[in-house]
Amino acid sequence: MSKTSILHKNVKLGDNVIIEDFCIIGVPPRGVEEGKLKTIIGDNSIIRAGTIIYAGNIIGSNFQTGNKANIRELNTIGNDVSVGTLSVIEHHVTIENSVRIHTQVFIPEYSILKANSWIGPNVVFTNAMYPKSPTVKENLAGPVIEENAIIGANSTLLPGVIIGENAIVGAGSVVTEQVDDSSVVCGNPAKLLKKKNELPYKD
């Protein structure tokens, strides 16, 4: 671990974990005692310079971040996950195995990203339908991204939308409602263009 980085109490690092300069790992969230929450980062992970990972994250093996990623507390992150430079993952997020999150993505609390989903750069998830309502905190609901779905660059997903398995959201889309499995949608608001098997490429 770099001498310029800080490791808080109750952090467990797996084998061959690389932590670059000016990282902070295991930061206790507001109102939580130092060391109260366990933080785990699995084998062969790379935490790049300037990244902050709060306490209570349980992270699998082969995890990597870009520079200055920010990962809040109490998330569950699987194996082979990548979080790009300047991306922000809020708390209580579930990220399954082999998810790729590109640069400057925002993922708020209570979002779910299932295995092998792919999130392009500058994508924004939202979780508050009425941000200043009195009951906003009780009604937060992040998007659910099903397995193998792709979210194109600069897209925005409204609270609670479900992106189906193998679906593709075209770049720059605003997704306001559920996207069915293997559908290709695009636009503002996003509308169905075709099915994935009609595209001129194969997986």
Protein backbone atom coordinates (compact mmCIF):
# COMPACT_ATOMS: atom_id res chain seq x y z
CA MET A 1 0.00 0.00 0.00
CA SER A 2 1.22 3.51 -0.80
CA LYS A 3 2.57 5.51 2.15
CA THR A 4 0.29 8.42 1.16
CA SER A 5 -2.89 6.36 1.56
CA ILE A 6 -4.97 5.88 4.72
CA LEU A 7 -6.39 2.58 5.93
CA HIS A 8 -9.01 2.95 8.68
CA LYS A 9 -9.79 0.32 11.32
CA ASN A 10 -11.47 -2.98 10.48
CA VAL A 11 -10.35 -3.08 6.84
CA LYS A 12 -9.42 -6.50 5.46
CA LEU A 13 -7.45 -6.66 2.22
CA GLY A 14 -7.08 -9.86 0.21
CA ASP A 15 -3.86 -11.07 -1.36
CA ASN A 16 -2.07 -8.96 -3.98
CA VAL A 17 -4.22 -5.87 -3.48
CA ILE A 18 -2.64 -2.68 -4.86
CA ILE A 19 -3.60 0.65 -3.30
CA GLU A 20 -2.12 3.65 -5.09
CA ASP A 21 -1.37 7.15 -3.76
CA PHE A 22 -3.83 9.27 -1.76
CA CYS A 23 -6.54 6.64 -1.33
CA ILE A 24 -8.70 6.46 1.81
CA ILE A 25 -10.17 3.05 2.65
CA GLY A 26 -12.74 2.29 5.36
CA VAL A 27 -13.94 5.84 6.09
CA PRO A 28 -16.70 5.61 8.75
CA PRO A 29 -19.94 7.21 7.55
CA ARG A 30 -21.50 10.00 9.56
CA GLY A 31 -22.71 8.84 12.97
CA VAL A 32 -20.84 5.52 12.88
CA GLU A 33 -17.97 4.78 15.23
CA GLU A 34 -14.49 4.21 13.76
CA GLY A 35 -13.98 0.49 13.08
CA LYS A 36 -17.60 -0.47 13.72
CA LEU A 37 -18.21 -1.55 10.13
CA LYS A 38 -16.02 -4.16 8.46
CA THR A 39 -14.65 -3.35 5.00
CA ILE A 40 -13.43 -6.17 2.74
CA ILE A 41 -11.60 -5.88 -0.58
CA GLY A 42 -10.89 -9.18 -2.34
CA ASP A 43 -7.75 -10.65 -3.89
CA ASN A 44 -5.95 -9.08 -6.84
CA SER A 45 -7.80 -5.77 -6.65
CA ILE A 46 -6.37 -2.43 -7.80
CA ILE A 47 -7.49 0.78 -6.10
CA ARG A 48 -6.18 3.67 -8.17
CA ALA A 49 -4.96 7.04 -6.93
CA GLY A 50 -7.38 9.30 -5.10
CA THR A 51 -10.12 6.72 -4.60
CA ILE A 52 -12.24 6.88 -1.43
CA ILE A 53 -14.02 3.75 -0.21
CA TYR A 54 -16.23 4.12 2.87
CA ALA A 55 -16.64 1.50 5.59
CA GLY A 56 -19.01 -1.43 5.31
CA ASN A 57 -18.31 -2.32 1.69
CA ILE A 58 -17.96 -6.02 0.91
CA ILE A 59 -16.04 -6.21 -2.37
CA GLY A 60 -14.99 -9.34 -4.28
CA SER A 61 -11.79 -10.26 -6.04
CA ASN A 62 -10.29 -8.61 -9.13
CA PHE A 63 -12.00 -5.33 -8.32
CA GLN A 64 -10.55 -2.17 -9.82
CA THR A 65 -11.22 1.54 -9.78
CA GLY A 66 -10.12 4.39 -11.95
CA ASN A 67 -8.61 7.47 -10.34
CA LYS A 68 -10.72 9.38 -7.78
CA ALA A 69 -13.65 6.98 -7.69
CA ASN A 70 -15.92 7.48 -4.67
CA ILE A 71 -17.72 4.50 -3.15
CA ARG A 72 -20.01 5.15 -0.19
CA GLU A 73 -20.82 2.75 2.65
CA LEU A 74 -22.67 -0.57 2.91
CA ASN A 75 -22.50 -1.76 -0.68
CA THR A 76 -22.17 -5.34 -1.90
CA ILE A 77 -19.87 -5.64 -4.92
CA GLY A 78 -19.06 -8.92 -6.66
CA ASN A 79 -16.00 -10.29 -8.41
CA ASP A 80 -14.40 -8.77 -11.53
CA VAL A 81 -16.12 -5.39 -11.17
CA SER A 82 -14.62 -2.18 -12.55
CA VAL A 83 -15.60 1.35 -11.46
CA GLY A 84 -14.24 4.10 -13.71
CA THR A 85 -12.47 7.37 -12.96
CA LEU A 86 -14.54 9.97 -11.07
CA SER A 87 -17.55 7.67 -10.79
CA VAL A 88 -19.69 7.83 -7.64
CA ILE A 89 -21.43 4.84 -6.08
CA GLU A 90 -23.75 5.84 -3.23
CA HIS A 91 -24.68 3.54 -0.30
CA HIS A 92 -26.81 0.37 -0.22
CA VAL A 93 -26.07 -0.50 -3.85
CA THR A 94 -25.80 -4.09 -5.10
CA ILE A 95 -23.35 -4.75 -7.94
CA GLU A 96 -23.03 -8.35 -9.10
CA ASN A 97 -20.11 -10.10 -10.81
CA SER A 98 -18.41 -8.77 -13.95
CA VAL A 99 -20.15 -5.39 -14.05
CA ARG A 100 -18.32 -2.62 -15.94
CA ILE A 101 -18.99 0.97 -14.85
CA HIS A 102 -17.23 3.56 -16.99
CA THR A 103 -15.99 7.09 -16.26
CA GLN A 104 -18.07 9.70 -14.40
CA VAL A 105 -21.09 7.50 -13.75
CA PHE A 106 -23.47 8.32 -10.87
CA ILE A 107 -25.26 5.43 -9.16
CA PRO A 108 -27.49 6.38 -6.20
CA GLU A 109 -28.58 4.29 -3.23
CA TYR A 110 -30.84 1.26 -3.70
CA SER A 111 -29.75 0.63 -7.28
CA ILE A 112 -29.11 -2.95 -8.44
CA LEU A 113 -26.71 -3.89 -11.23
CA LYS A 114 -26.86 -7.56 -12.13
CA ALA A 115 -24.12 -9.74 -13.56
CA ASN A 116 -22.23 -8.66 -16.67
CA SER A 117 -24.15 -5.41 -17.14
CA TRP A 118 -22.27 -2.53 -18.79
CA ILE A 119 -22.68 1.15 -17.94
CA GLY A 120 -21.22 3.71 -20.36
CA PRO A 121 -19.49 6.98 -19.44
CA ASN A 122 -21.47 9.88 -17.95
CA VAL A 123 -24.55 7.78 -17.27
CA VAL A 124 -26.77 9.06 -14.44
CA PHE A 125 -29.11 6.86 -12.41
CA THR A 126 -31.76 8.59 -10.27
CA ASN A 127 -33.73 7.33 -7.27
CA ALA A 128 -36.03 10.14 -6.10
CA MET A 129 -39.17 10.77 -8.13
CA TYR A 130 -40.07 13.88 -6.10
CA PRO A 131 -36.75 15.06 -4.61
CA LYS A 132 -38.12 17.62 -2.12
CA SER A 133 -41.25 15.81 -0.98
CA PRO A 134 -41.60 15.16 2.79
CA THR A 135 -41.40 11.38 2.33
CA VAL A 136 -38.61 11.29 -0.25
CA LYS A 137 -36.24 9.23 1.92
CA GLU A 138 -38.88 6.55 2.50
CA ASN A 139 -39.58 6.19 -1.22
CA LEU A 140 -36.15 6.05 -2.79
CA ALA A 141 -35.86 3.43 -5.55
CA GLY A 142 -32.86 3.11 -7.81
CA PRO A 143 -32.93 1.50 -11.25
CA VAL A 144 -32.50 -2.26 -11.68
CA ILE A 145 -30.18 -3.33 -14.48
CA GLU A 146 -30.71 -6.97 -15.39
CA GLU A 147 -28.00 -9.35 -16.59
CA ASN A 148 -26.03 -8.45 -19.74
CA ALA A 149 -27.85 -5.14 -20.25
CA ILE A 150 -25.98 -2.21 -21.82
CA ILE A 151 -26.55 1.45 -20.96
CA GLY A 152 -25.09 3.82 -23.56
CA ALA A 153 -23.07 6.95 -22.77
CA ASN A 154 -24.80 10.06 -21.36
CA SER A 155 -28.07 8.27 -20.65
CA THR A 156 -30.32 9.11 -17.68
CA LEU A 157 -32.45 6.50 -15.92
CA LEU A 158 -35.44 7.58 -13.84
CA PRO A 159 -36.14 6.11 -10.40
CA GLY A 160 -37.08 2.44 -10.20
CA VAL A 161 -36.95 1.67 -13.92
CA ILE A 162 -36.05 -1.90 -14.84
CA ILE A 163 -33.75 -2.53 -17.78
CA GLY A 164 -34.36 -6.09 -18.94
CA GLU A 165 -31.85 -8.85 -19.63
CA ASN A 166 -29.73 -8.29 -22.76
CA ALA A 167 -31.43 -4.93 -23.40
CA ILE A 168 -29.57 -1.99 -24.92
CA VAL A 169 -30.21 1.67 -24.09
CA GLY A 170 -28.82 3.92 -26.82
CA ALA A 171 -26.49 6.80 -26.02
CA GLY A 172 -28.11 9.97 -24.71
CA SER A 173 -31.43 8.34 -23.85
CA VAL A 174 -33.77 9.30 -21.01
CA VAL A 175 -35.41 6.12 -19.74
CA THR A 176 -38.77 6.76 -18.06
CA GLU A 177 -40.29 3.26 -18.05
CA GLN A 178 -39.39 -0.41 -18.08
CA VAL A 179 -37.29 -1.76 -20.95
CA ASP A 180 -38.17 -5.34 -21.88
CA ASP A 181 -35.62 -8.13 -22.27
CA SER A 182 -33.50 -7.98 -25.44
CA SER A 183 -35.04 -4.65 -26.50
CA VAL A 184 -33.10 -1.78 -28.05
CA VAL A 185 -34.40 1.65 -27.01
CA CYS A 186 -33.25 5.19 -27.70
CA GLY A 187 -34.40 8.79 -27.40
CA ASN A 188 -36.00 11.19 -24.93
CA PRO A 189 -38.14 9.58 -23.70
CA ALA A 190 -36.59 6.28 -24.78
CA LYS A 191 -38.72 4.28 -27.22
CA LEU A 192 -38.39 0.82 -28.69
CA LEU A 193 -36.37 0.70 -31.92
CA LYS A 194 -35.98 -3.03 -32.47
CA LYS A 195 -34.98 -6.25 -30.79
CA LYS A 196 -31.35 -7.04 -30.11
CA ASN A 197 -31.31 -9.97 -32.54
CA GLU A 198 -32.12 -7.52 -35.33
CA LEU A 199 -28.88 -5.60 -34.83
CA PRO A 200 -26.06 -6.09 -37.37
CA TYR A 201 -23.66 -7.69 -34.89
CA LYS A 202 -23.35 -10.82 -32.80
CA ASP A 203 -22.25 -11.24 -29.19
